[in-house]
N, C-alpha and C. Protein backbone atom coordinates (compact mmCIF):
# COMPACT_ATOMS: atom_id res chain seq x y z
N MET A 1 0.92 -1.54 0.30
CA MET A 1 -0.16 0.20 0.17
C MET A 1 1.13 1.27 -0.04
N ASN A 2 0.51 1.88 -0.93
CA ASN A 2 1.36 3.54 -0.71
C ASN A 2 0.99 4.43 -0.20
N LYS A 3 1.42 5.45 -0.27
CA LYS A 3 0.16 6.81 0.27
C LYS A 3 -0.88 6.99 -0.44
N GLN A 4 -0.64 7.28 -1.19
CA GLN A 4 -2.20 7.58 -1.61
C GLN A 4 -3.53 5.98 -1.74
N GLU A 5 -2.80 5.36 -1.69
CA GLU A 5 -4.14 4.46 -1.05
C GLU A 5 -4.40 4.40 0.16
N LEU A 6 -2.96 4.23 0.91
CA LEU A 6 -3.33 4.57 2.55
C LEU A 6 -4.53 5.63 2.68
N ILE A 7 -4.37 7.29 2.21
CA ILE A 7 -5.00 8.06 1.94
C ILE A 7 -6.44 7.66 1.94
N ALA A 8 -6.75 6.90 0.71
CA ALA A 8 -7.96 6.63 0.18
C ALA A 8 -8.54 5.64 1.28
N ALA A 9 -7.78 4.89 1.70
CA ALA A 9 -8.61 3.60 2.89
C ALA A 9 -8.76 4.30 3.99
N MET A 10 -7.84 5.83 4.80
CA MET A 10 -8.37 6.34 5.71
C MET A 10 -9.91 7.19 5.48
N VAL A 11 -9.86 7.48 4.21
CA VAL A 11 -11.22 8.58 3.63
C VAL A 11 -12.04 7.52 4.02
N GLU A 12 -12.25 6.21 3.39
CA GLU A 12 -13.13 5.50 3.73
C GLU A 12 -13.74 4.81 4.77
N LYS A 13 -12.39 5.11 5.97
CA LYS A 13 -12.72 4.51 7.19
C LYS A 13 -13.15 5.72 8.08
N SER A 14 -12.90 7.12 7.79
CA SER A 14 -13.56 7.86 8.66
C SER A 14 -14.42 9.01 8.07
N GLY A 15 -15.05 8.80 6.95
CA GLY A 15 -15.84 9.67 6.05
C GLY A 15 -15.50 11.21 6.33
N LEU A 16 -13.88 11.39 6.50
CA LEU A 16 -13.35 13.01 6.30
C LEU A 16 -13.33 13.31 4.72
N THR A 17 -12.95 14.14 4.49
CA THR A 17 -12.64 14.78 2.99
C THR A 17 -11.30 13.74 2.61
N LYS A 18 -10.54 13.65 1.56
CA LYS A 18 -9.62 13.49 1.20
C LYS A 18 -8.49 14.71 1.46
N LYS A 19 -8.68 15.69 1.41
CA LYS A 19 -7.92 16.87 2.04
C LYS A 19 -7.65 16.65 3.42
N ASP A 20 -8.57 16.71 4.45
CA ASP A 20 -8.48 16.85 5.27
C ASP A 20 -7.93 15.87 5.70
N THR A 21 -7.95 14.64 5.26
CA THR A 21 -7.34 12.95 5.58
C THR A 21 -5.80 13.21 5.49
N GLU A 22 -5.48 14.00 3.89
CA GLU A 22 -3.99 14.31 3.72
C GLU A 22 -3.68 15.07 4.66
N ALA A 23 -3.99 16.29 5.35
CA ALA A 23 -3.80 16.83 6.56
C ALA A 23 -3.03 16.19 7.57
N ALA A 24 -4.58 15.58 7.77
CA ALA A 24 -3.74 14.32 9.50
C ALA A 24 -2.75 13.47 9.18
N LEU A 25 -2.73 12.99 8.12
CA LEU A 25 -1.66 12.11 7.68
C LEU A 25 -0.07 12.59 7.49
N LYS A 26 -0.23 13.96 6.82
CA LYS A 26 1.19 14.71 6.85
C LYS A 26 1.12 15.33 8.33
N ALA A 27 0.25 15.34 9.49
CA ALA A 27 0.62 15.90 10.82
C ALA A 27 1.08 15.02 11.46
N PHE A 28 0.56 14.13 11.23
CA PHE A 28 1.02 12.63 11.98
C PHE A 28 2.38 11.91 11.55
N THR A 29 2.97 12.12 10.27
CA THR A 29 3.86 11.79 9.95
C THR A 29 5.24 13.30 10.48
N ASP A 30 4.86 14.34 10.46
CA ASP A 30 5.81 15.50 10.78
C ASP A 30 5.96 15.37 12.60
N VAL A 31 4.87 15.09 12.98
CA VAL A 31 5.05 15.06 14.49
C VAL A 31 6.22 13.91 15.18
N VAL A 32 5.48 12.81 14.44
CA VAL A 32 6.87 11.54 14.83
C VAL A 32 7.69 11.79 14.24
N ALA A 33 7.84 11.91 12.96
CA ALA A 33 9.51 12.80 12.86
C ALA A 33 10.33 13.97 13.71
N GLU A 34 9.47 14.49 13.90
CA GLU A 34 9.91 15.79 15.13
C GLU A 34 10.47 15.34 15.98
N GLY A 35 9.12 14.49 17.08
CA GLY A 35 9.47 13.70 17.87
C GLY A 35 10.89 13.13 17.85
N LEU A 36 11.33 11.95 16.92
CA LEU A 36 12.28 11.27 16.71
C LEU A 36 13.36 11.90 16.55
N LYS A 37 13.57 13.47 16.36
CA LYS A 37 14.69 14.04 15.72
C LYS A 37 15.18 14.47 17.16
N LYS A 38 14.34 14.72 17.76
CA LYS A 38 14.26 15.53 19.56
C LYS A 38 14.99 14.15 20.72
N GLY A 39 14.84 12.83 20.15
CA GLY A 39 15.43 12.13 20.74
C GLY A 39 14.18 11.03 21.73
N GLU A 40 13.06 11.05 21.43
CA GLU A 40 11.34 11.33 22.03
C GLU A 40 11.20 9.79 21.62
N LYS A 41 10.74 9.37 22.65
CA LYS A 41 9.79 8.22 22.35
C LYS A 41 8.49 8.26 22.10
N ILE A 42 7.56 7.98 21.09
CA ILE A 42 5.91 7.60 20.52
C ILE A 42 5.61 6.77 20.56
N GLN A 43 4.83 6.55 22.18
CA GLN A 43 4.08 5.33 22.03
C GLN A 43 2.57 5.68 21.99
N ILE A 44 2.12 4.68 21.21
CA ILE A 44 0.52 4.36 20.83
C ILE A 44 0.17 3.24 21.43
N VAL A 45 -0.50 3.02 22.53
CA VAL A 45 -0.88 2.06 23.42
C VAL A 45 -1.66 1.35 22.25
N GLY A 46 -1.55 0.06 21.95
CA GLY A 46 -2.15 -0.81 21.58
C GLY A 46 -1.52 -0.82 20.07
N PHE A 47 -0.99 -0.20 19.30
CA PHE A 47 -0.39 0.01 18.42
C PHE A 47 0.87 -0.22 18.15
N GLY A 48 1.78 0.17 18.42
CA GLY A 48 3.40 0.19 18.86
C GLY A 48 3.85 1.45 19.47
N THR A 49 5.36 1.35 19.39
CA THR A 49 6.33 2.58 19.81
C THR A 49 7.28 2.92 18.60
N PHE A 50 7.24 4.22 18.61
CA PHE A 50 8.12 4.85 17.34
C PHE A 50 9.23 5.26 18.31
N GLU A 51 10.55 5.13 18.36
CA GLU A 51 11.91 5.28 19.00
C GLU A 51 13.17 5.56 18.60
N VAL A 52 14.18 6.07 18.52
CA VAL A 52 15.69 6.05 18.18
C VAL A 52 16.11 5.19 18.24
N SER A 53 16.95 4.65 17.49
CA SER A 53 18.06 3.27 17.62
C SER A 53 19.32 4.42 17.68
N GLU A 54 20.14 4.16 18.16
CA GLU A 54 21.76 5.29 18.30
C GLU A 54 22.71 3.85 18.00
N ARG A 55 23.73 3.81 16.95
CA ARG A 55 24.42 2.85 16.72
C ARG A 55 25.48 3.86 16.70
N ALA A 56 26.80 2.59 17.28
CA ALA A 56 27.91 3.36 17.97
C ALA A 56 29.15 2.99 16.60
N ALA A 57 29.97 4.05 16.19
CA ALA A 57 31.03 4.44 15.52
C ALA A 57 31.56 2.91 15.63
N ARG A 58 32.26 2.29 14.31
CA ARG A 58 32.84 0.87 14.01
C ARG A 58 33.45 1.14 13.20
N GLU A 59 34.50 0.07 13.12
CA GLU A 59 35.19 -0.28 11.89
C GLU A 59 34.72 -1.25 11.00
N GLY A 60 34.65 -1.61 9.79
CA GLY A 60 33.95 -2.50 8.63
C GLY A 60 34.89 -2.74 7.93
N ARG A 61 34.46 -3.82 6.43
CA ARG A 61 35.46 -3.79 5.43
C ARG A 61 34.58 -3.56 4.06
N ASN A 62 35.32 -2.71 3.41
CA ASN A 62 34.61 -2.61 2.37
C ASN A 62 34.33 -3.96 1.31
N PRO A 63 33.45 -4.11 0.95
CA PRO A 63 33.14 -6.10 0.77
C PRO A 63 34.17 -5.88 -0.87
N TYR A 64 34.50 -4.79 -1.74
CA TYR A 64 35.10 -5.56 -2.58
C TYR A 64 36.52 -5.56 -2.68
N THR A 65 37.26 -4.84 -2.05
CA THR A 65 38.64 -4.52 -1.60
C THR A 65 39.20 -4.99 -0.16
N GLY A 66 38.39 -5.68 0.77
CA GLY A 66 38.82 -6.13 1.88
C GLY A 66 39.23 -5.05 2.92
N GLU A 67 39.53 -3.67 2.40
CA GLU A 67 39.98 -2.51 3.30
C GLU A 67 38.88 -2.05 4.14
N ALA A 68 40.17 -2.07 5.55
CA ALA A 68 39.14 -1.55 6.61
C ALA A 68 38.56 -0.26 6.32
N MET A 69 37.85 0.35 6.95
CA MET A 69 37.27 1.50 6.54
C MET A 69 36.07 2.02 7.98
N LYS A 70 36.09 3.07 8.14
CA LYS A 70 35.09 3.44 9.44
C LYS A 70 34.24 3.49 9.05
N ILE A 71 32.71 3.07 9.98
CA ILE A 71 31.68 3.59 9.52
C ILE A 71 31.34 4.55 11.16
N GLU A 72 30.56 5.93 10.55
CA GLU A 72 30.40 6.92 11.67
C GLU A 72 29.44 6.58 12.50
N ALA A 73 29.54 7.04 13.81
CA ALA A 73 28.31 6.66 14.49
C ALA A 73 26.97 7.12 13.65
N SER A 74 25.65 6.66 14.21
CA SER A 74 24.07 7.34 13.33
C SER A 74 23.61 6.88 14.58
N ARG A 75 22.42 7.48 14.11
CA ARG A 75 20.93 7.37 14.93
C ARG A 75 19.95 6.91 13.53
N SER A 76 19.13 5.93 14.02
CA SER A 76 17.79 5.66 12.94
C SER A 76 17.06 5.17 13.62
N PRO A 77 15.30 5.43 12.84
CA PRO A 77 14.45 5.31 13.46
C PRO A 77 14.15 3.54 13.76
N LYS A 78 13.08 3.59 14.90
CA LYS A 78 12.90 2.07 14.95
C LYS A 78 11.24 2.13 15.61
N PHE A 79 10.83 0.76 14.89
CA PHE A 79 9.47 0.92 15.31
C PHE A 79 8.99 -0.55 16.17
N LYS A 80 8.11 -0.77 16.91
CA LYS A 80 8.07 -2.07 17.61
C LYS A 80 7.00 -2.20 17.92
N ALA A 81 5.98 -3.09 17.33
CA ALA A 81 4.59 -3.46 17.31
C ALA A 81 3.98 -3.71 18.54
N GLY A 82 3.02 -2.84 18.77
CA GLY A 82 2.14 -3.56 20.09
C GLY A 82 1.56 -4.44 20.43
N LYS A 83 1.41 -5.16 21.45
CA LYS A 83 0.82 -6.45 21.61
C LYS A 83 -0.46 -6.85 20.70
N THR A 84 -1.51 -5.53 20.71
CA THR A 84 -2.74 -5.73 20.26
C THR A 84 -2.69 -5.49 18.65
N LEU A 85 -1.96 -5.25 18.11
CA LEU A 85 -1.38 -5.12 16.77
C LEU A 85 -0.80 -6.60 15.96
N LYS A 86 0.21 -6.83 17.15
CA LYS A 86 0.81 -8.55 16.86
C LYS A 86 -0.47 -9.38 16.87
N GLU A 87 -1.55 -9.31 17.99
CA GLU A 87 -2.26 -10.41 18.25
C GLU A 87 -3.02 -10.49 16.76
N SER A 88 -4.00 -9.10 16.36
CA SER A 88 -4.52 -8.75 15.03
C SER A 88 -3.64 -9.46 14.12
N LEU A 89 -2.73 -9.93 14.15
CA LEU A 89 -2.08 -10.67 12.71
C LEU A 89 -2.48 -11.78 12.53
N ASN A 90 -2.55 -12.71 13.80
CA ASN A 90 -2.50 -13.97 13.94
C ASN A 90 -4.32 -14.75 14.00
């Protein structure tokens, strides 16, 4: 499902206009992204938790040459599904 299909499904479920639904989805993604940038944990009970995972700097190898190289420390988003969401899939 892509973004437009998600919006169409949300319009059908909520009864809101497509414009309002698109604005709500954009607001949701913006708020989650801003929260994660600040290092906050966003928890939606029953659905899941969005949080930031810290990865330490480490040494890796170039797969073509085998030469050692430094991999910078980084932060990446992580999503952990909630119990209700997991149970709804089985």
